[in-house]
């Protein structure tokens, strides 16, 4: 047992060091591949992606995902407790139709460092990685990672790939409406498709555009849009 615990502590220490090094690495370089992307590739859905810098993504697209997914992103510390409480209350009353309260930071933690799922282990790790990236990364870097790794269609990852696939133009040229359409598909991009336009995307796009107008001038937003 003594040898076992010694080995266990050594493995745990090396795993901790390895994940810390990887977090620091992703601070400056894009993830070579994520578990979600690997799962898409192995399942036969393919893998299309094209990482670009935040400056190469139109401010319309940046604003659209903040307005639709996480309006307090510029100012929160990684967790939107108000939205989490609302999601818990909703889910207690609607057991068959669950609502998430994840922030953009939490989604980056999940999509870059973890796997998809709802287990307590994964959720616990998500909290840890969210705390770490909020501690080490700038909001601009977190948003840049989010816009490059989110799934926007079947086997399609990132807004640059989505823009090219759906609108035949780079993400730097997206209009407000086109950006809103991509943002509207994010809850379930395999089901809520941009091309062809699903009913969900068609009905949600005007709402996203209204939220974009509502967000104009919000605290901390200018740093993310310039």
Protein backbone atom coordinates (compact mmCIF):
# COMPACT_ATOMS: atom_id res chain seq x y z
CA UNK A 1 0.00 0.00 0.00
CA UNK A 2 2.90 2.35 0.74
CA UNK A 3 4.29 1.86 -2.77
CA UNK A 4 0.84 2.28 -4.27
CA UNK A 5 0.20 5.63 -2.54
CA UNK A 6 3.67 6.84 -3.46
CA UNK A 7 3.00 5.98 -7.11
CA UNK A 8 -0.49 7.52 -6.92
CA UNK A 9 0.85 10.81 -5.55
CA UNK A 10 3.58 10.89 -8.18
CA UNK A 11 1.07 10.32 -11.02
CA UNK A 12 -1.29 12.94 -9.56
CA UNK A 13 1.52 15.47 -9.33
CA UNK A 14 2.62 14.89 -12.92
CA UNK A 15 -0.97 15.13 -14.18
CA UNK A 16 -1.40 18.42 -12.34
CA UNK A 17 1.83 19.79 -13.81
CA UNK A 18 0.87 18.58 -17.30
CA UNK A 19 -2.55 20.24 -17.26
CA UNK A 20 -1.05 23.46 -15.89
CA UNK A 21 1.54 23.50 -18.67
CA UNK A 22 -1.22 22.90 -21.23
CA UNK A 23 -3.31 25.78 -19.84
CA UNK A 24 -0.28 28.08 -20.14
CA UNK A 25 0.41 26.78 -23.65
CA UNK A 26 -3.15 27.53 -24.81
CA UNK A 27 -2.67 31.04 -23.46
CA UNK A 28 -0.46 31.74 -26.48
CA UNK A 29 -1.24 29.05 -29.10
CA UNK A 30 -4.44 27.51 -30.43
CA UNK A 31 -5.40 24.00 -29.27
CA UNK A 32 -4.09 21.38 -31.73
CA UNK A 33 -7.38 19.47 -31.38
CA UNK A 34 -10.12 19.23 -28.79
CA UNK A 35 -11.94 16.14 -27.56
CA UNK A 36 -15.16 17.43 -29.15
CA UNK A 37 -13.42 17.89 -32.50
CA UNK A 38 -11.83 14.45 -32.21
CA UNK A 39 -15.24 12.94 -31.41
CA UNK A 40 -16.72 14.59 -34.50
CA UNK A 41 -13.92 13.21 -36.66
CA UNK A 42 -14.17 9.67 -35.28
CA UNK A 43 -17.97 9.60 -35.50
CA UNK A 44 -17.88 10.31 -39.22
CA UNK A 45 -19.17 13.90 -39.02
CA UNK A 46 -15.82 15.21 -40.24
CA UNK A 47 -13.74 18.12 -38.98
CA UNK A 48 -13.63 21.53 -40.66
CA UNK A 49 -11.90 24.34 -38.79
CA UNK A 50 -9.80 27.40 -39.45
CA UNK A 51 -8.38 29.30 -36.48
CA UNK A 52 -8.10 33.07 -36.92
CA UNK A 53 -7.16 35.94 -34.61
CA UNK A 54 -9.85 37.97 -32.87
CA UNK A 55 -8.99 40.96 -35.05
CA UNK A 56 -9.91 38.85 -38.12
CA UNK A 57 -13.45 38.32 -36.77
CA UNK A 58 -15.93 41.09 -37.43
CA UNK A 59 -17.13 42.96 -34.31
CA UNK A 60 -20.67 42.00 -35.42
CA UNK A 61 -19.81 38.34 -34.76
CA UNK A 62 -18.18 39.06 -31.41
CA UNK A 63 -21.16 41.12 -30.30
CA UNK A 64 -23.66 38.53 -31.55
CA UNK A 65 -22.31 35.68 -29.39
CA UNK A 66 -22.01 37.90 -26.32
CA UNK A 67 -25.56 39.21 -26.81
CA UNK A 68 -27.05 35.76 -27.35
CA UNK A 69 -24.94 33.55 -25.07
CA UNK A 70 -23.51 35.61 -22.20
CA UNK A 71 -24.39 39.29 -21.84
CA UNK A 72 -22.41 39.70 -18.62
CA UNK A 73 -19.26 38.22 -20.16
CA UNK A 74 -17.32 41.53 -20.19
CA UNK A 75 -17.67 41.98 -16.42
CA UNK A 76 -18.21 38.62 -14.67
CA UNK A 77 -15.44 36.44 -13.21
CA UNK A 78 -16.32 33.37 -15.25
CA UNK A 79 -19.66 32.52 -13.63
CA UNK A 80 -23.01 34.28 -14.02
CA UNK A 81 -24.66 33.30 -10.75
CA UNK A 82 -27.96 34.96 -11.62
CA UNK A 83 -28.31 32.92 -14.81
CA UNK A 84 -27.20 29.76 -13.01
CA UNK A 85 -29.96 30.24 -10.40
CA UNK A 86 -32.53 30.87 -13.15
CA UNK A 87 -31.41 27.70 -14.97
CA UNK A 88 -31.71 25.65 -11.77
CA UNK A 89 -35.23 26.97 -11.08
CA UNK A 90 -36.27 26.32 -14.69
CA UNK A 91 -34.86 22.79 -14.75
CA UNK A 92 -36.63 21.88 -11.51
CA UNK A 93 -39.93 22.71 -13.22
CA UNK A 94 -39.10 21.31 -16.67
CA UNK A 95 -37.36 17.97 -16.24
CA UNK A 96 -37.65 16.95 -19.90
CA UNK A 97 -36.34 20.23 -21.37
CA UNK A 98 -33.17 21.34 -19.62
CA UNK A 99 -31.71 24.85 -19.79
CA UNK A 100 -28.04 25.62 -19.31
CA UNK A 101 -26.55 28.60 -17.49
CA UNK A 102 -23.00 28.29 -18.80
CA UNK A 103 -21.01 31.42 -19.55
CA UNK A 104 -18.67 31.84 -22.52
CA UNK A 105 -15.77 31.17 -20.13
CA UNK A 106 -17.35 27.91 -18.96
CA UNK A 107 -17.96 26.84 -22.55
CA UNK A 108 -14.31 27.52 -23.39
CA UNK A 109 -13.26 25.43 -20.38
CA UNK A 110 -15.51 22.59 -21.57
CA UNK A 111 -14.78 22.77 -25.29
CA UNK A 112 -11.02 23.30 -25.10
CA UNK A 113 -9.97 21.22 -22.08
CA UNK A 114 -12.77 18.71 -21.43
CA UNK A 115 -15.40 16.52 -23.04
CA UNK A 116 -19.15 16.85 -23.58
CA UNK A 117 -21.42 15.46 -20.87
CA UNK A 118 -23.29 16.25 -17.67
CA UNK A 119 -21.45 14.21 -15.03
CA UNK A 120 -20.49 15.75 -11.69
CA UNK A 121 -16.83 14.97 -12.37
CA UNK A 122 -16.88 16.90 -15.64
CA UNK A 123 -18.78 19.79 -14.05
CA UNK A 124 -16.26 19.94 -11.22
CA UNK A 125 -13.37 20.06 -13.69
CA UNK A 126 -15.22 22.72 -15.67
CA UNK A 127 -15.34 24.94 -12.59
CA UNK A 128 -11.59 24.48 -12.08
CA UNK A 129 -10.63 25.23 -15.68
CA UNK A 130 -13.02 28.21 -15.80
CA UNK A 131 -11.34 29.65 -12.72
CA UNK A 132 -7.88 29.09 -14.21
CA UNK A 133 -8.55 30.67 -17.60
CA UNK A 134 -10.27 33.66 -16.00
CA UNK A 135 -7.22 34.03 -13.76
CA UNK A 136 -4.62 33.70 -16.53
CA UNK A 137 -6.24 34.76 -19.81
CA UNK A 138 -7.60 38.12 -20.91
CA UNK A 139 -11.28 38.40 -21.87
CA UNK A 140 -10.16 38.95 -25.46
CA UNK A 141 -8.23 35.66 -25.46
CA UNK A 142 -11.17 33.78 -23.95
CA UNK A 143 -13.51 35.21 -26.58
CA UNK A 144 -11.01 34.42 -29.34
CA UNK A 145 -10.80 30.79 -28.22
CA UNK A 146 -14.58 30.55 -27.99
CA UNK A 147 -15.13 31.88 -31.51
CA UNK A 148 -12.56 29.44 -32.90
CA UNK A 149 -13.64 26.21 -31.19
CA UNK A 150 -17.44 26.39 -30.98
CA UNK A 151 -19.31 23.91 -33.14
CA UNK A 152 -21.39 25.81 -35.70
CA UNK A 153 -22.66 22.90 -37.78
CA UNK A 154 -22.16 19.20 -38.41
CA UNK A 155 -18.38 18.85 -38.31
CA UNK A 156 -17.96 22.62 -38.64
CA UNK A 157 -15.99 24.39 -35.90
CA UNK A 158 -15.32 28.08 -35.45
CA UNK A 159 -16.94 31.15 -36.95
CA UNK A 160 -14.36 31.54 -39.75
CA UNK A 161 -15.23 28.09 -41.11
CA UNK A 162 -18.94 28.78 -40.61
CA UNK A 163 -18.72 32.08 -42.44
CA UNK A 164 -16.95 30.49 -45.40
CA UNK A 165 -19.32 27.47 -45.45
CA UNK A 166 -22.61 29.37 -45.05
CA UNK A 167 -21.94 32.78 -46.61
CA UNK A 168 -18.84 32.27 -48.81
CA UNK A 169 -16.94 35.08 -47.11
CA UNK A 170 -14.39 35.45 -44.30
CA UNK A 171 -15.58 36.16 -40.77
CA UNK A 172 -14.12 39.66 -41.07
CA UNK A 173 -16.85 40.51 -43.61
CA UNK A 174 -19.91 39.21 -41.75
CA UNK A 175 -22.92 41.50 -41.55
CA UNK A 176 -24.89 41.94 -38.33
CA UNK A 177 -27.64 39.65 -39.61
CA UNK A 178 -25.25 36.93 -40.78
CA UNK A 179 -23.45 37.03 -37.43
CA UNK A 180 -26.79 36.81 -35.61
CA UNK A 181 -27.74 33.74 -37.67
CA UNK A 182 -24.54 31.93 -36.68
CA UNK A 183 -25.07 32.90 -33.03
CA UNK A 184 -28.68 31.69 -33.22
CA UNK A 185 -27.58 28.13 -34.07
CA UNK A 186 -25.24 27.71 -31.09
CA UNK A 187 -27.53 25.97 -28.60
CA UNK A 188 -27.64 22.94 -30.94
CA UNK A 189 -25.85 23.55 -34.27
CA UNK A 190 -26.48 20.04 -35.60
CA UNK A 191 -30.23 20.56 -35.23
CA UNK A 192 -30.55 24.33 -35.63
CA UNK A 193 -28.85 24.79 -38.99
CA UNK A 194 -27.80 28.02 -40.67
CA UNK A 195 -27.79 26.46 -44.13
CA UNK A 196 -30.47 25.49 -44.86
CA UNK A 197 -32.01 27.92 -42.37
CA UNK A 198 -33.92 26.01 -39.70
CA UNK A 199 -37.11 27.42 -38.14
CA UNK A 200 -35.26 27.94 -34.86
CA UNK A 201 -32.50 30.01 -36.48
CA UNK A 202 -35.02 32.00 -38.52
CA UNK A 203 -37.11 32.86 -35.46
CA UNK A 204 -34.18 33.47 -33.09
CA UNK A 205 -32.11 35.70 -35.42
CA UNK A 206 -34.29 38.84 -34.95
CA UNK A 207 -34.09 38.34 -31.17
CA UNK A 208 -30.29 38.13 -31.32
CA UNK A 209 -30.17 41.33 -33.38
CA UNK A 210 -32.36 43.14 -30.83
CA UNK A 211 -30.05 42.00 -28.05
CA UNK A 212 -27.06 43.25 -30.05
CA UNK A 213 -28.63 46.71 -30.21
CA UNK A 214 -29.50 46.50 -26.51
CA UNK A 215 -25.88 45.68 -25.64
CA UNK A 216 -24.42 48.71 -27.43
CA UNK A 217 -22.37 50.75 -24.98
CA UNK A 218 -22.41 48.11 -22.23
CA UNK A 219 -19.63 48.21 -19.63
CA UNK A 220 -16.38 46.58 -20.80
CA UNK A 221 -17.73 45.78 -24.27
CA UNK A 222 -15.58 48.26 -26.19
CA UNK A 223 -12.38 46.36 -25.30
CA UNK A 224 -13.79 43.21 -26.90
CA UNK A 225 -15.09 44.88 -30.05
CA UNK A 226 -12.17 47.09 -31.07
